[in-house]
Amino acid sequence: MMTPSLSSLSMDVADVENVIPTLLKNGIIIAQNALSTDSIERCLIEAQRHIEEADKALYNKDHRFDLLVPVDKFPSIKELEVVGPWVSLMKAMLGNDVVCDVSLVYSRPGATEQTWHADGPHIGKTADWSGKGQDKPYAICVFLPLISLNKIVGYTQFWPASHKYDELIGFGPVCPLLECELDGIVDVGSAVVYDYRLIHRGMPNKSEETERPLIQFLYHIPQYKEVSNYGKEQLF
């Protein structure tokens, strides 16, 4: 199967009827120009404040970090969680009682390449080798970069359609050898929407002084409980 191009996956996220088949097939779509510059700037200010709080509390010097966001403290981020342009899609795919966890992921200069991984486990049926038969998603991520991404500051690399097969877990290094990878290089204001089971990896931040912050909105059915990616103890 040919790897879809970034342009072929770029869609109006509010066009739910056309987005759903593409997301089910490839496990990923690009919400092109989903948000205004003003909206992103407000979120960036809140994100930088949260990063500063974490650094002071944790003396954090890691190059890559993932923080849960207490959205009640950050109104611009909370607004996107509730009424972002992708929310109609989330409700159409996951139900009107969908739940959202919000986190802030940032990679500092010197952050290295991640290993290939899927954030969420496979639950229920996987696809047969014709590419059909997998269960619908139980969780969908919206990656919202707060700066424009490029080869220098880094980006996230995805393996389209890998959400269908649990047998591919652990075989991520094969993806670039087969030229199946998709570079999630998007401009500020666009977002990457992907199935939580999709295999991906964060790429290095090769810049000298530019942090790469993004907000992750994890929408999921109420029955799903995230247990592997976040701790249970509040650290600050």
Protein backbone atom coordinates (compact mmCIF):
# COMPACT_ATOMS: atom_id res chain seq x y z
CA MET A 1 0.00 0.00 0.00
CA MET A 2 1.34 3.43 -0.93
CA THR A 3 2.05 5.82 1.92
CA PRO A 4 -0.33 8.78 1.74
CA SER A 5 1.22 12.21 1.33
CA LEU A 6 0.84 14.99 3.86
CA SER A 7 -1.19 17.00 1.36
CA SER A 8 -3.59 14.12 0.67
CA LEU A 9 -4.30 13.87 4.41
CA SER A 10 -4.83 17.62 4.86
CA MET A 11 -8.53 18.19 5.43
CA ASP A 12 -11.08 20.52 6.95
CA VAL A 13 -11.53 18.83 10.31
CA ALA A 14 -15.07 20.20 10.54
CA ASP A 15 -16.03 18.18 7.44
CA VAL A 16 -16.78 15.18 9.61
CA GLU A 17 -18.45 13.05 6.93
CA ASN A 18 -15.35 13.07 4.73
CA VAL A 19 -12.77 12.99 7.51
CA ILE A 20 -14.00 9.82 9.21
CA PRO A 21 -13.27 7.38 6.33
CA THR A 22 -9.76 8.80 5.89
CA LEU A 23 -9.03 8.60 9.61
CA LEU A 24 -10.32 5.03 9.84
CA LYS A 25 -8.22 3.97 6.84
CA ASN A 26 -4.93 5.72 7.57
CA GLY A 27 -5.16 6.37 11.30
CA ILE A 28 -4.19 10.00 10.75
CA ILE A 29 -5.36 13.25 9.17
CA ILE A 30 -3.98 16.79 9.16
CA ALA A 31 -6.37 19.50 10.35
CA GLN A 32 -5.07 22.18 8.03
CA ASN A 33 -5.18 25.79 9.30
CA ALA A 34 -7.58 24.78 12.06
CA LEU A 35 -6.82 27.69 14.40
CA SER A 36 -6.01 31.37 14.23
CA THR A 37 -2.63 32.82 15.13
CA ASP A 38 -4.25 34.66 18.03
CA SER A 39 -5.64 31.43 19.49
CA ILE A 40 -2.24 29.73 19.23
CA GLU A 41 -0.45 32.68 20.83
CA ARG A 42 -2.78 32.60 23.84
CA CYS A 43 -2.17 28.87 24.27
CA LEU A 44 1.59 29.37 23.90
CA ILE A 45 1.63 31.91 26.73
CA GLU A 46 -0.24 29.47 28.98
CA ALA A 47 2.01 26.58 27.94
CA GLN A 48 5.16 28.56 28.70
CA ARG A 49 3.79 29.40 32.15
CA HIS A 50 3.12 25.72 32.84
CA ILE A 51 6.62 24.77 31.69
CA GLU A 52 8.15 27.39 33.98
CA GLU A 53 6.13 26.09 36.93
CA ALA A 54 7.29 22.52 36.23
CA ASP A 55 10.93 23.56 35.87
CA LYS A 56 10.86 25.37 39.21
CA ALA A 57 9.11 22.54 41.03
CA LEU A 58 10.94 19.61 39.49
CA TYR A 59 14.29 21.17 38.61
CA ASN A 60 13.64 19.58 35.25
CA LYS A 61 16.60 19.46 32.88
CA ASP A 62 15.27 16.73 30.62
CA HIS A 63 15.29 17.42 26.90
CA ARG A 64 11.80 15.96 26.39
CA PHE A 65 8.97 16.20 28.87
CA ASP A 66 5.25 15.39 29.04
CA LEU A 67 3.07 17.28 31.54
CA LEU A 68 -0.59 16.84 32.33
CA VAL A 69 -2.39 20.18 32.05
CA PRO A 70 -4.87 21.22 34.76
CA VAL A 71 -7.09 22.95 32.23
CA ASP A 72 -9.06 24.94 34.80
CA LYS A 73 -5.91 27.03 35.29
CA PHE A 74 -5.46 27.66 31.58
CA PRO A 75 -8.64 29.03 29.98
CA SER A 76 -7.41 29.23 26.37
CA ILE A 77 -6.35 25.57 26.39
CA LYS A 78 -9.57 24.55 28.11
CA GLU A 79 -11.59 26.39 25.46
CA LEU A 80 -9.97 24.33 22.71
CA GLU A 81 -10.62 21.11 24.63
CA VAL A 82 -14.34 21.89 24.75
CA VAL A 83 -15.07 23.77 21.50
CA GLY A 84 -12.00 23.23 19.30
CA PRO A 85 -12.79 22.69 15.59
CA TRP A 86 -12.15 18.95 15.96
CA VAL A 87 -14.67 18.36 18.79
CA SER A 88 -17.55 17.48 16.44
CA LEU A 89 -15.33 14.79 14.90
CA MET A 90 -14.42 13.43 18.34
CA LYS A 91 -18.08 13.16 19.32
CA ALA A 92 -19.01 11.54 16.01
CA MET A 93 -16.33 8.86 16.43
CA LEU A 94 -16.25 8.37 20.21
CA GLY A 95 -19.72 9.43 21.38
CA ASN A 96 -21.23 12.52 22.96
CA ASP A 97 -19.92 11.48 26.38
CA VAL A 98 -16.31 11.61 25.18
CA VAL A 99 -13.66 12.39 27.81
CA CYS A 100 -10.52 14.44 27.23
CA ASP A 101 -7.11 14.42 28.94
CA VAL A 102 -4.82 17.32 28.06
CA SER A 103 -1.04 17.28 28.26
CA LEU A 104 1.84 19.48 27.20
CA VAL A 105 4.73 17.82 25.39
CA TYR A 106 7.88 19.80 24.84
CA SER A 107 11.25 18.94 23.35
CA ARG A 108 14.24 21.11 24.08
CA PRO A 109 17.38 21.53 21.96
CA GLY A 110 19.31 18.30 22.21
CA ALA A 111 16.24 16.05 22.44
CA THR A 112 17.07 12.84 20.64
CA GLU A 113 15.06 10.61 18.38
CA GLN A 114 12.46 8.51 20.19
CA THR A 115 11.99 4.82 19.59
CA TRP A 116 8.95 3.81 17.54
CA HIS A 117 5.94 3.18 19.75
CA ALA A 118 2.16 3.30 20.03
CA ASP A 119 0.71 5.26 22.93
CA GLY A 120 -2.37 3.07 23.26
CA PRO A 121 -2.77 -0.71 23.33
CA HIS A 122 -4.87 -2.69 20.91
CA ILE A 123 -8.23 -3.52 22.43
CA GLY A 124 -10.61 -5.81 20.58
CA LYS A 125 -10.26 -6.94 16.98
CA THR A 126 -7.37 -6.03 14.70
CA ALA A 127 -7.55 -5.96 10.91
CA ASP A 128 -6.96 -8.91 8.64
CA TRP A 129 -4.23 -8.53 6.04
CA SER A 130 -6.67 -7.04 3.56
CA GLY A 131 -6.72 -4.04 5.89
CA LYS A 132 -10.28 -4.52 7.09
CA GLY A 133 -12.01 -5.67 10.24
CA GLN A 134 -10.31 -3.69 13.01
CA ASP A 135 -12.39 -2.23 15.80
CA LYS A 136 -13.13 1.47 15.70
CA PRO A 137 -10.87 3.69 17.80
CA TYR A 138 -11.44 4.04 21.51
CA ALA A 139 -9.13 7.07 21.71
CA ILE A 140 -7.97 9.77 19.31
CA CYS A 141 -5.15 12.28 19.79
CA VAL A 142 -5.01 15.83 18.57
CA PHE A 143 -1.41 17.09 18.41
CA LEU A 144 -1.40 20.88 18.30
CA PRO A 145 2.10 22.34 17.74
CA LEU A 146 2.53 25.82 19.18
CA ILE A 147 5.28 26.68 16.68
CA SER A 148 5.77 25.76 13.03
CA LEU A 149 7.63 22.47 12.69
CA ASN A 150 10.60 21.73 10.43
CA LYS A 151 13.61 19.44 10.16
CA ILE A 152 15.60 21.56 12.61
CA VAL A 153 13.23 21.95 15.59
CA GLY A 154 11.82 18.49 14.87
CA TYR A 155 8.41 16.92 14.43
CA THR A 156 6.61 13.61 14.93
CA GLN A 157 6.98 10.82 12.40
CA PHE A 158 4.07 8.44 11.84
CA TRP A 159 3.48 5.03 10.29
CA PRO A 160 0.11 5.42 8.53
CA ALA A 161 -2.34 2.51 8.86
CA SER A 162 -0.24 0.84 11.58
CA HIS A 163 -3.15 1.33 13.99
CA LYS A 164 -4.85 -1.65 12.37
CA TYR A 165 -2.32 -4.32 13.36
CA ASP A 166 -1.04 -5.22 16.81
CA GLU A 167 1.56 -7.46 15.12
CA LEU A 168 3.47 -4.35 14.00
CA ILE A 169 4.27 -3.27 17.57
CA GLY A 170 8.03 -3.60 17.99
CA PHE A 171 8.69 -3.46 14.25
CA GLY A 172 8.81 0.34 13.96
CA PRO A 173 12.40 0.41 12.60
CA VAL A 174 11.11 -1.41 9.52
CA CYS A 175 8.91 1.57 8.64
CA PRO A 176 11.61 3.84 7.13
CA LEU A 177 13.22 0.87 5.41
CA LEU A 178 9.92 0.29 3.61
CA GLU A 179 9.59 4.05 3.04
CA CYS A 180 6.26 4.02 4.86
CA GLU A 181 6.96 6.94 7.19
CA LEU A 182 5.00 10.18 7.18
CA ASP A 183 6.71 13.30 8.48
CA GLY A 184 4.21 15.33 10.50
CA ILE A 185 5.71 18.68 9.55
CA VAL A 186 2.93 21.23 9.84
CA ASP A 187 2.71 25.00 10.18
CA VAL A 188 1.47 26.68 13.31
CA GLY A 189 -2.33 26.71 13.33
CA SER A 190 -2.61 23.19 11.93
CA ALA A 191 -3.01 20.03 14.02
CA VAL A 192 -2.31 16.33 13.58
CA VAL A 193 -5.23 14.05 14.45
CA TYR A 194 -4.40 10.38 14.88
CA ASP A 195 -5.68 7.09 16.23
CA TYR A 196 -4.15 6.40 19.66
CA ARG A 197 -2.95 3.00 18.41
CA LEU A 198 -0.89 4.50 15.57
CA ILE A 199 2.86 3.81 15.69
CA HIS A 200 4.99 6.96 15.74
CA ARG A 201 8.14 8.57 17.15
CA GLY A 202 9.33 12.04 18.11
CA MET A 203 12.23 13.29 16.02
CA PRO A 204 15.30 15.16 17.34
CA ASN A 205 15.35 18.83 18.16
CA LYS A 206 18.53 19.95 16.38
CA SER A 207 18.07 23.64 17.04
CA GLU A 208 20.38 25.61 19.30
CA GLU A 209 17.78 27.41 21.40
CA THR A 210 14.22 26.70 20.21
CA GLU A 211 11.86 24.59 22.31
CA ARG A 212 9.23 22.52 20.47
CA PRO A 213 6.02 22.71 22.53
CA LEU A 214 2.79 21.02 21.56
CA ILE A 215 -0.51 20.40 23.28
CA GLN A 216 -1.92 16.88 23.16
CA PHE A 217 -5.67 16.53 23.50
CA LEU A 218 -6.43 12.86 24.15
CA TYR A 219 -10.13 12.19 23.56
CA HIS A 220 -11.38 8.77 24.59
CA ILE A 221 -14.47 6.81 25.48
CA PRO A 222 -15.34 6.94 29.22
CA GLN A 223 -14.58 3.25 29.70
CA TYR A 224 -10.92 3.70 28.72
CA LYS A 225 -8.53 4.59 31.52
CA GLU A 226 -5.01 5.74 30.69
CA VAL A 227 -2.61 3.87 32.98
CA SER A 228 0.74 3.72 31.20
CA ASN A 229 1.62 7.24 30.02
CA TYR A 230 0.90 9.32 33.12
CA GLY A 231 1.62 8.82 36.78
CA LYS A 232 -1.01 9.05 39.48
CA GLU A 233 0.91 11.21 41.94
CA GLN A 234 0.81 15.01 41.61
CA LEU A 235 4.39 16.33 41.66
CA PHE A 236 3.74 20.06 41.82
